[in-house]
Amino acid sequence: MRPLVTVEPFQGAPDSLRPPLSPGRAFLNSFLLPGLGQARLRRHLPGAIYLTVEAVSFAMLYKTNYELRIAKARIADRVVNRYQVDPTTGAPVLDTDGFFVPVDTVESYFDTEIVNSRRSQFEDWITMVVINHLFSGADAFVASLLWDVPARVGFRPAPSGPGLGITVRW
């Protein structure tokens, strides 16, 4: 026997007040890749800002790591100011390894203070990357929660000077 009528459940219009991402998923997206949750929530400017901060932080992290490696490698270097000279020939005196025998040396520019400074800078940029991930995730979380609030924040001229104004329509 075949059915006379098939009834499909009503598939109404999608809810326009529902965010494209749940708050947890928005946080996770932006925590893993800053700016991704904002992009999926159609907040492109904040997403671009978080992504730019991430790119600059990683570039500076690479640069300070390079400078830290150079400082560690050059910490024992010495710069020779004067050499021993043979009084009869006027030629510099060489030691058994073929290097000039120094009379006066100056320590290298790189010392433990420079190494510690570079290490501190490297740690600061790691902290910046972590903070950017956390702020980006928190911003996406809040943006997903406030998806249905039609508020506009901006500067407006006021009688006493410029002021911050908020417009909320209910």
N, C-alpha and C. Protein backbone atom coordinates (compact mmCIF):
# COMPACT_ATOMS: atom_id res chain seq x y z
N MET A 1 0.82 -1.16 0.00
CA MET A 1 0.00 0.00 0.00
C MET A 1 0.88 1.25 0.00
N ARG A 2 0.50 2.18 -0.77
CA ARG A 2 1.31 3.38 -0.83
C ARG A 2 0.62 4.51 -0.07
N PRO A 3 1.44 5.40 0.54
CA PRO A 3 0.82 6.49 1.31
C PRO A 3 0.18 7.50 0.36
N LEU A 4 -0.92 8.06 0.83
CA LEU A 4 -1.64 9.03 0.03
C LEU A 4 -0.94 10.38 -0.01
N VAL A 5 -0.47 10.85 1.15
CA VAL A 5 0.13 12.17 1.23
C VAL A 5 1.38 12.09 2.10
N THR A 6 2.45 12.72 1.67
CA THR A 6 3.65 12.82 2.51
C THR A 6 3.74 14.25 3.02
N VAL A 7 4.00 14.37 4.29
CA VAL A 7 4.07 15.69 4.91
C VAL A 7 5.51 15.95 5.35
N GLU A 8 6.04 17.05 4.89
CA GLU A 8 7.39 17.48 5.27
C GLU A 8 7.26 18.49 6.40
N PRO A 9 8.15 18.47 7.38
CA PRO A 9 8.09 19.50 8.41
C PRO A 9 8.40 20.86 7.81
N PHE A 10 7.82 21.91 8.43
CA PHE A 10 8.00 23.27 7.92
C PHE A 10 9.45 23.71 8.11
N GLN A 11 10.06 24.12 7.04
CA GLN A 11 11.42 24.65 7.08
C GLN A 11 11.32 26.15 6.88
N GLY A 12 11.15 26.89 7.94
CA GLY A 12 10.98 28.34 7.85
C GLY A 12 12.29 29.03 7.48
N ALA A 13 12.22 30.33 7.39
CA ALA A 13 13.40 31.14 7.08
C ALA A 13 14.41 31.02 8.21
N PRO A 14 15.69 31.00 7.89
CA PRO A 14 16.69 30.91 8.96
C PRO A 14 16.62 32.14 9.86
N ASP A 15 16.92 31.91 11.12
CA ASP A 15 16.87 32.99 12.10
C ASP A 15 18.01 33.97 11.84
N SER A 16 17.67 35.21 11.50
CA SER A 16 18.70 36.20 11.19
C SER A 16 19.38 36.73 12.44
N LEU A 17 18.77 36.51 13.62
CA LEU A 17 19.37 36.99 14.86
C LEU A 17 20.35 36.00 15.46
N ARG A 18 20.40 34.83 14.88
CA ARG A 18 21.31 33.80 15.39
C ARG A 18 22.70 34.01 14.81
N PRO A 19 23.75 34.01 15.65
CA PRO A 19 25.10 34.24 15.12
C PRO A 19 25.57 33.09 14.25
N PRO A 20 26.44 33.36 13.29
CA PRO A 20 26.97 32.29 12.44
C PRO A 20 27.80 31.27 13.22
N LEU A 21 28.33 31.67 14.36
CA LEU A 21 29.13 30.77 15.21
C LEU A 21 28.62 30.85 16.64
N SER A 22 28.70 29.74 17.34
CA SER A 22 28.38 29.77 18.76
C SER A 22 29.52 30.50 19.48
N PRO A 23 29.26 31.03 20.67
CA PRO A 23 30.33 31.74 21.38
C PRO A 23 31.58 30.89 21.62
N GLY A 24 31.38 29.64 21.97
CA GLY A 24 32.53 28.75 22.21
C GLY A 24 33.34 28.50 20.95
N ARG A 25 32.64 28.26 19.85
CA ARG A 25 33.34 28.02 18.58
C ARG A 25 34.03 29.29 18.09
N ALA A 26 33.39 30.44 18.31
CA ALA A 26 34.02 31.72 17.92
C ALA A 26 35.30 31.95 18.71
N PHE A 27 35.24 31.66 20.03
CA PHE A 27 36.44 31.80 20.86
C PHE A 27 37.54 30.87 20.37
N LEU A 28 37.19 29.62 20.12
CA LEU A 28 38.18 28.63 19.69
C LEU A 28 38.80 29.00 18.34
N ASN A 29 37.96 29.45 17.40
CA ASN A 29 38.49 29.86 16.09
C ASN A 29 39.50 30.99 16.22
N SER A 30 39.13 32.02 17.00
CA SER A 30 40.03 33.17 17.13
C SER A 30 41.19 32.89 18.05
N PHE A 31 41.04 31.97 18.98
CA PHE A 31 42.16 31.62 19.85
C PHE A 31 43.23 30.87 19.06
N LEU A 32 42.81 29.97 18.19
CA LEU A 32 43.77 29.20 17.40
C LEU A 32 44.41 30.03 16.29
N LEU A 33 43.61 30.86 15.62
CA LEU A 33 44.14 31.75 14.57
C LEU A 33 43.48 33.11 14.76
N PRO A 34 44.19 34.05 15.37
CA PRO A 34 43.59 35.36 15.64
C PRO A 34 43.01 36.00 14.38
N GLY A 35 41.75 36.44 14.50
CA GLY A 35 41.05 37.08 13.40
C GLY A 35 40.09 36.16 12.67
N LEU A 36 40.23 34.84 12.83
CA LEU A 36 39.36 33.90 12.11
C LEU A 36 37.93 33.97 12.62
N GLY A 37 37.74 34.00 13.94
CA GLY A 37 36.39 34.11 14.49
C GLY A 37 35.73 35.42 14.10
N GLN A 38 36.51 36.50 14.10
CA GLN A 38 35.97 37.79 13.70
C GLN A 38 35.57 37.77 12.23
N ALA A 39 36.35 37.13 11.39
CA ALA A 39 36.03 37.06 9.96
C ALA A 39 34.75 36.26 9.74
N ARG A 40 34.57 35.19 10.49
CA ARG A 40 33.35 34.39 10.35
C ARG A 40 32.13 35.09 10.93
N LEU A 41 32.35 36.04 11.82
CA LEU A 41 31.26 36.84 12.36
C LEU A 41 31.05 38.13 11.56
N ARG A 42 31.70 38.23 10.42
CA ARG A 42 31.63 39.38 9.52
C ARG A 42 32.09 40.67 10.20
N ARG A 43 33.10 40.56 11.01
CA ARG A 43 33.75 41.73 11.64
C ARG A 43 35.17 41.78 11.08
N HIS A 44 35.29 42.25 9.86
CA HIS A 44 36.55 42.15 9.12
C HIS A 44 37.65 43.07 9.64
N LEU A 45 37.31 44.28 10.05
CA LEU A 45 38.35 45.20 10.53
C LEU A 45 39.01 44.69 11.81
N PRO A 46 38.25 44.30 12.84
CA PRO A 46 38.94 43.75 14.03
C PRO A 46 39.73 42.48 13.70
N GLY A 47 39.18 41.65 12.82
CA GLY A 47 39.90 40.44 12.43
C GLY A 47 41.22 40.75 11.75
N ALA A 48 41.21 41.76 10.88
CA ALA A 48 42.44 42.16 10.19
C ALA A 48 43.45 42.74 11.19
N ILE A 49 42.96 43.47 12.18
CA ILE A 49 43.86 44.04 13.18
C ILE A 49 44.53 42.93 13.99
N TYR A 50 43.75 41.94 14.45
CA TYR A 50 44.33 40.83 15.21
C TYR A 50 45.32 40.03 14.36
N LEU A 51 45.00 39.82 13.10
CA LEU A 51 45.90 39.07 12.22
C LEU A 51 47.19 39.85 11.96
N THR A 52 47.08 41.17 11.81
CA THR A 52 48.27 42.01 11.61
C THR A 52 49.17 42.00 12.84
N VAL A 53 48.56 42.13 14.01
CA VAL A 53 49.34 42.07 15.26
C VAL A 53 50.04 40.71 15.37
N GLU A 54 49.37 39.65 14.97
CA GLU A 54 49.97 38.32 15.01
C GLU A 54 51.18 38.23 14.06
N ALA A 55 51.02 38.75 12.85
CA ALA A 55 52.11 38.69 11.88
C ALA A 55 53.31 39.52 12.35
N VAL A 56 53.06 40.72 12.86
CA VAL A 56 54.15 41.57 13.35
C VAL A 56 54.83 40.92 14.54
N SER A 57 54.05 40.32 15.43
CA SER A 57 54.62 39.67 16.62
C SER A 57 55.52 38.50 16.22
N PHE A 58 55.08 37.70 15.25
CA PHE A 58 55.92 36.58 14.82
C PHE A 58 57.18 37.06 14.09
N ALA A 59 57.07 38.13 13.32
CA ALA A 59 58.25 38.69 12.65
C ALA A 59 59.26 39.19 13.69
N MET A 60 58.78 39.89 14.71
CA MET A 60 59.67 40.38 15.76
C MET A 60 60.22 39.23 16.61
N LEU A 61 59.43 38.20 16.80
CA LEU A 61 59.90 37.02 17.52
C LEU A 61 61.06 36.37 16.77
N TYR A 62 60.94 36.26 15.47
CA TYR A 62 62.01 35.70 14.64
C TYR A 62 63.26 36.59 14.71
N LYS A 63 63.06 37.91 14.61
CA LYS A 63 64.19 38.85 14.62
C LYS A 63 64.92 38.83 15.96
N THR A 64 64.20 38.86 17.06
CA THR A 64 64.86 38.85 18.37
C THR A 64 65.52 37.51 18.66
N ASN A 65 64.95 36.42 18.16
CA ASN A 65 65.61 35.12 18.32
C ASN A 65 66.93 35.10 17.56
N TYR A 66 66.96 35.68 16.36
CA TYR A 66 68.18 35.77 15.58
C TYR A 66 69.24 36.60 16.32
N GLU A 67 68.82 37.75 16.86
CA GLU A 67 69.75 38.61 17.60
C GLU A 67 70.24 37.93 18.88
N LEU A 68 69.39 37.16 19.53
CA LEU A 68 69.80 36.42 20.73
C LEU A 68 70.85 35.37 20.38
N ARG A 69 70.66 34.64 19.28
CA ARG A 69 71.64 33.64 18.87
C ARG A 69 72.99 34.29 18.54
N ILE A 70 72.97 35.43 17.87
CA ILE A 70 74.22 36.14 17.56
C ILE A 70 74.91 36.59 18.83
N ALA A 71 74.16 37.16 19.76
CA ALA A 71 74.75 37.64 21.02
C ALA A 71 75.37 36.49 21.81
N LYS A 72 74.69 35.33 21.84
CA LYS A 72 75.25 34.18 22.56
C LYS A 72 76.52 33.66 21.88
N ALA A 73 76.54 33.68 20.54
CA ALA A 73 77.70 33.18 19.82
C ALA A 73 78.90 34.10 19.92
N ARG A 74 78.68 35.40 20.09
CA ARG A 74 79.77 36.38 20.09
C ARG A 74 80.19 36.84 21.49
N ILE A 75 79.66 36.21 22.52
CA ILE A 75 79.92 36.71 23.88
C ILE A 75 81.40 36.56 24.26
N ALA A 76 82.10 35.57 23.73
CA ALA A 76 83.50 35.35 24.10
C ALA A 76 84.48 36.03 23.15
N ASP A 77 83.99 36.76 22.17
CA ASP A 77 84.88 37.42 21.20
C ASP A 77 85.69 38.54 21.85
N ARG A 78 86.86 38.77 21.26
CA ARG A 78 87.71 39.89 21.68
C ARG A 78 88.18 40.61 20.44
N VAL A 79 88.36 41.91 20.54
CA VAL A 79 88.85 42.73 19.44
C VAL A 79 90.28 43.13 19.77
N VAL A 80 91.21 42.87 18.84
CA VAL A 80 92.62 43.17 19.06
C VAL A 80 92.89 44.61 18.62
N ASN A 81 93.49 45.40 19.54
CA ASN A 81 93.83 46.79 19.22
C ASN A 81 95.24 46.91 18.65
N ARG A 82 96.19 46.22 19.28
CA ARG A 82 97.59 46.28 18.83
C ARG A 82 98.18 44.87 18.82
N TYR A 83 99.17 44.68 17.93
CA TYR A 83 99.85 43.40 17.80
C TYR A 83 101.30 43.57 18.21
N GLN A 84 101.90 42.43 18.54
CA GLN A 84 103.36 42.44 18.76
C GLN A 84 104.03 42.52 17.39
N VAL A 85 105.06 43.31 17.33
CA VAL A 85 105.78 43.50 16.07
C VAL A 85 107.25 43.14 16.30
N ASP A 86 107.80 42.40 15.34
CA ASP A 86 109.22 42.05 15.41
C ASP A 86 110.02 43.33 15.14
N PRO A 87 110.91 43.74 16.09
CA PRO A 87 111.62 45.01 15.92
C PRO A 87 112.59 45.01 14.74
N THR A 88 113.10 43.87 14.34
CA THR A 88 114.07 43.86 13.24
C THR A 88 113.40 43.93 11.87
N THR A 89 112.31 43.19 11.70
CA THR A 89 111.66 43.15 10.39
C THR A 89 110.44 44.07 10.31
N GLY A 90 109.84 44.37 11.44
CA GLY A 90 108.62 45.18 11.43
C GLY A 90 107.37 44.39 11.11
N ALA A 91 107.53 43.06 10.98
CA ALA A 91 106.37 42.21 10.68
C ALA A 91 105.69 41.80 11.98
N PRO A 92 104.38 41.55 11.93
CA PRO A 92 103.69 41.11 13.14
C PRO A 92 104.15 39.71 13.54
N VAL A 93 104.16 39.47 14.84
CA VAL A 93 104.58 38.17 15.37
C VAL A 93 103.35 37.26 15.40
N LEU A 94 103.54 36.03 14.89
CA LEU A 94 102.46 35.06 14.86
C LEU A 94 102.69 34.00 15.92
N ASP A 95 101.59 33.50 16.50
CA ASP A 95 101.73 32.40 17.46
C ASP A 95 101.72 31.08 16.70
N THR A 96 101.66 29.97 17.41
CA THR A 96 101.76 28.66 16.77
C THR A 96 100.55 28.33 15.90
N ASP A 97 99.41 28.97 16.17
CA ASP A 97 98.21 28.71 15.37
C ASP A 97 98.12 29.61 14.14
N GLY A 98 99.07 30.53 13.97
CA GLY A 98 99.06 31.42 12.82
C GLY A 98 98.33 32.72 13.05
N PHE A 99 97.95 33.00 14.31
CA PHE A 99 97.27 34.26 14.63
C PHE A 99 98.28 35.27 15.14
N PHE A 100 97.96 36.54 15.00
CA PHE A 100 98.82 37.59 15.54
C PHE A 100 98.80 37.52 17.07
N VAL A 101 99.93 37.79 17.67
CA VAL A 101 100.03 37.81 19.13
C VAL A 101 99.60 39.20 19.60
N PRO A 102 98.47 39.29 20.31
CA PRO A 102 97.98 40.61 20.70
C PRO A 102 98.74 41.19 21.88
N VAL A 103 98.85 42.49 21.88
CA VAL A 103 99.41 43.21 23.02
C VAL A 103 98.27 43.80 23.83
N ASP A 104 97.28 44.34 23.13
CA ASP A 104 96.16 45.01 23.79
C ASP A 104 94.86 44.51 23.15
N THR A 105 93.92 44.04 23.96
CA THR A 105 92.63 43.58 23.44
C THR A 105 91.50 44.31 24.16
N VAL A 106 90.38 44.39 23.48
CA VAL A 106 89.17 44.99 24.04
C VAL A 106 88.08 43.93 23.98
N GLU A 107 87.26 43.89 25.02
CA GLU A 107 86.18 42.91 25.02
C GLU A 107 85.16 43.24 23.93
N SER A 108 84.45 42.24 23.52
CA SER A 108 83.43 42.39 22.48
C SER A 108 82.27 43.24 22.98
N TYR A 109 81.52 43.77 22.03
CA TYR A 109 80.31 44.52 22.34
C TYR A 109 79.29 43.63 23.04
N PHE A 110 79.29 42.35 22.67
CA PHE A 110 78.32 41.42 23.22
C PHE A 110 78.81 40.91 24.56
N ASP A 111 78.07 41.21 25.61
CA ASP A 111 78.40 40.71 26.94
C ASP A 111 77.14 40.09 27.53
N THR A 112 77.20 39.66 28.78
CA THR A 112 76.05 39.00 29.39
C THR A 112 74.86 39.95 29.52
N GLU A 113 75.12 41.23 29.64
CA GLU A 113 74.03 42.20 29.73
C GLU A 113 73.23 42.25 28.41
N ILE A 114 73.95 42.22 27.29
CA ILE A 114 73.28 42.22 25.98
C ILE A 114 72.51 40.92 25.78
N VAL A 115 73.10 39.79 26.17
CA VAL A 115 72.42 38.50 26.03
C VAL A 115 71.15 38.49 26.87
N ASN A 116 71.23 38.98 28.10
CA ASN A 116 70.04 39.02 28.96
C ASN A 116 68.97 39.95 28.39
N SER A 117 69.40 41.06 27.80
CA SER A 117 68.46 41.99 27.18
C SER A 117 67.75 41.34 26.00
N ARG A 118 68.50 40.64 25.15
CA ARG A 118 67.90 39.96 24.00
C ARG A 118 66.95 38.85 24.46
N ARG A 119 67.33 38.13 25.49
CA ARG A 119 66.47 37.06 26.02
C ARG A 119 65.16 37.66 26.55
N SER A 120 65.26 38.79 27.23
CA SER A 120 64.07 39.46 27.76
C SER A 120 63.16 39.94 26.62
N GLN A 121 63.75 40.48 25.56
CA GLN A 121 62.95 40.90 24.40
C GLN A 121 62.24 39.71 23.75
N PHE A 122 62.94 38.60 23.64
CA PHE A 122 62.36 37.39 23.06
C PHE A 122 61.17 36.92 23.89
N GLU A 123 61.31 36.92 25.22
CA GLU A 123 60.21 36.52 26.10
C GLU A 123 59.05 37.50 26.01
N ASP A 124 59.35 38.78 25.84
CA ASP A 124 58.28 39.78 25.69
C ASP A 124 57.45 39.53 24.44
N TRP A 125 58.10 39.17 23.34
CA TRP A 125 57.35 38.91 22.11
C TRP A 125 56.54 37.62 22.21
N ILE A 126 57.04 36.63 22.94
CA ILE A 126 56.24 35.43 23.18
C ILE A 126 54.98 35.81 23.96
N THR A 127 55.15 36.66 24.96
CA THR A 127 54.01 37.12 25.75
C THR A 127 53.02 37.87 24.87
N MET A 128 53.52 38.68 23.94
CA MET A 128 52.64 39.42 23.04
C MET A 128 51.81 38.48 22.17
N VAL A 129 52.40 37.40 21.69
CA VAL A 129 51.67 36.43 20.88
C VAL A 129 50.57 35.78 21.71
N VAL A 130 50.88 35.38 22.93
CA VAL A 130 49.89 34.74 23.80
C VAL A 130 48.75 35.71 24.11
N ILE A 131 49.08 36.95 24.45
CA ILE A 131 48.05 37.95 24.76
C ILE A 131 47.17 38.22 23.55
N ASN A 132 47.75 38.29 22.37
CA ASN A 132 46.97 38.51 21.15
C ASN A 132 45.99 37.37 20.93
N HIS A 133 46.40 36.13 21.16
CA HIS A 133 45.50 34.99 21.02
C HIS A 133 44.34 35.08 22.01
N LEU A 134 44.65 35.42 23.26
CA LEU A 134 43.61 35.50 24.28
C LEU A 134 42.63 36.64 23.99
N PHE A 135 43.13 37.82 23.64
CA PHE A 135 42.25 38.95 23.34
C PHE A 135 41.40 38.68 22.11
N SER A 136 41.98 38.07 21.10
CA SER A 136 41.23 37.76 19.89
C SER A 136 40.11 36.77 20.19
N GLY A 137 40.42 35.75 20.97
CA GLY A 137 39.39 34.78 21.35
C GLY A 137 38.29 35.41 22.19
N ALA A 138 38.67 36.25 23.15
CA ALA A 138 37.67 36.91 24.00
C ALA A 138 36.81 37.85 23.17
N ASP A 139 37.41 38.58 22.23
CA ASP A 139 36.64 39.50 21.39
C ASP A 139 35.63 38.74 20.53
N ALA A 140 36.04 37.62 19.96
CA ALA A 140 35.12 36.83 19.14
C ALA A 140 34.00 36.24 20.00
N PHE A 141 34.33 35.82 21.22
CA PHE A 141 33.34 35.27 22.15
C PHE A 141 32.26 36.31 22.45
N VAL A 142 32.69 37.52 22.80
CA VAL A 142 31.75 38.60 23.13
C VAL A 142 30.96 39.02 21.88
N ALA A 143 31.62 39.09 20.74
CA ALA A 143 30.92 39.48 19.51
C ALA A 143 29.84 38.47 19.16
N SER A 144 30.08 37.20 19.41
CA SER A 144 29.07 36.19 19.14
C SER A 144 27.90 36.30 20.12
N LEU A 145 28.21 36.62 21.37
CA LEU A 145 27.13 36.79 22.35
C LEU A 145 26.29 38.02 22.05
N LEU A 146 26.91 39.09 21.56
CA LEU A 146 26.20 40.34 21.29
C LEU A 146 25.77 40.46 19.82
N TRP A 147 25.68 39.35 19.13
CA TRP A 147 25.36 39.34 17.70
C TRP A 147 24.02 40.03 17.43
N ASP A 148 23.02 39.82 18.26
CA ASP A 148 21.69 40.33 17.98
C ASP A 148 21.42 41.71 18.58
N VAL A 149 22.42 42.35 19.19
CA VAL A 149 22.24 43.69 19.73
C VAL A 149 22.65 44.69 18.66
N PRO A 150 21.69 45.43 18.11
CA PRO A 150 22.01 46.38 17.04
C PRO A 150 22.53 47.70 17.62
N ALA A 151 23.73 47.70 18.09
CA ALA A 151 24.31 48.90 18.70
C ALA A 151 25.38 49.48 17.80
N ARG A 152 25.46 50.79 17.81
CA ARG A 152 26.52 51.48 17.07
C ARG A 152 27.25 52.37 18.05
N VAL A 153 28.57 52.25 18.07
CA VAL A 153 29.40 53.07 18.94
C VAL A 153 30.23 53.98 18.05
N GLY A 154 30.28 55.25 18.41
CA GLY A 154 31.06 56.19 17.61
C GLY A 154 31.20 57.53 18.30
N PHE A 155 32.01 58.38 17.71
CA PHE A 155 32.21 59.72 18.24
C PHE A 155 31.19 60.66 17.61
N ARG A 156 30.66 61.56 18.44
CA ARG A 156 29.72 62.58 17.98
C ARG A 156 30.14 63.93 18.52
N PRO A 157 29.82 64.98 17.79
CA PRO A 157 30.10 66.31 18.35
C PRO A 157 29.10 66.61 19.47
N ALA A 158 29.61 67.13 20.54
CA ALA A 158 28.78 67.50 21.68
C ALA A 158 29.02 68.99 21.95
N PRO A 159 28.13 69.64 22.71
CA PRO A 159 28.32 71.06 23.00
C PRO A 159 29.66 71.36 23.69
N SER A 160 30.14 70.45 24.51
CA SER A 160 31.39 70.70 25.23
C SER A 160 32.61 70.14 24.51
N GLY A 161 32.44 69.59 23.34
CA GLY A 161 33.56 69.00 22.60
C GLY A 161 33.18 67.61 22.10
N PRO A 162 34.11 66.89 21.47
CA PRO A 162 33.78 65.56 20.96
C PRO A 162 33.46 64.60 22.12
N GLY A 163 32.53 63.71 21.87
CA GLY A 163 32.15 62.75 22.89
C GLY A 163 31.85 61.40 22.27
N LEU A 164 31.89 60.39 23.08
CA LEU A 164 31.61 59.02 22.66
C LEU A 164 30.11 58.78 22.77
N GLY A 165 29.50 58.32 21.69
CA GLY A 165 28.06 58.08 21.71
C GLY A 165 27.74 56.64 21.37
N ILE A 166 26.67 56.13 21.95
CA ILE A 166 26.22 54.77 21.70
C ILE A 166 24.76 54.84 21.27
N THR A 167 24.44 54.20 20.18
CA THR A 167 23.06 54.12 19.72
C THR A 167 22.62 52.68 19.79
N VAL A 168 21.54 52.43 20.54
CA VAL A 168 20.99 51.07 20.68
C VAL A 168 19.53 51.13 20.31
N ARG A 169 19.13 50.32 19.35
CA ARG A 169 17.71 50.24 18.95
C ARG A 169 17.12 48.97 19.52
N TRP A 170 15.97 49.10 20.15
CA TRP A 170 15.30 47.91 20.73
C TRP A 170 14.12 47.53 19.91
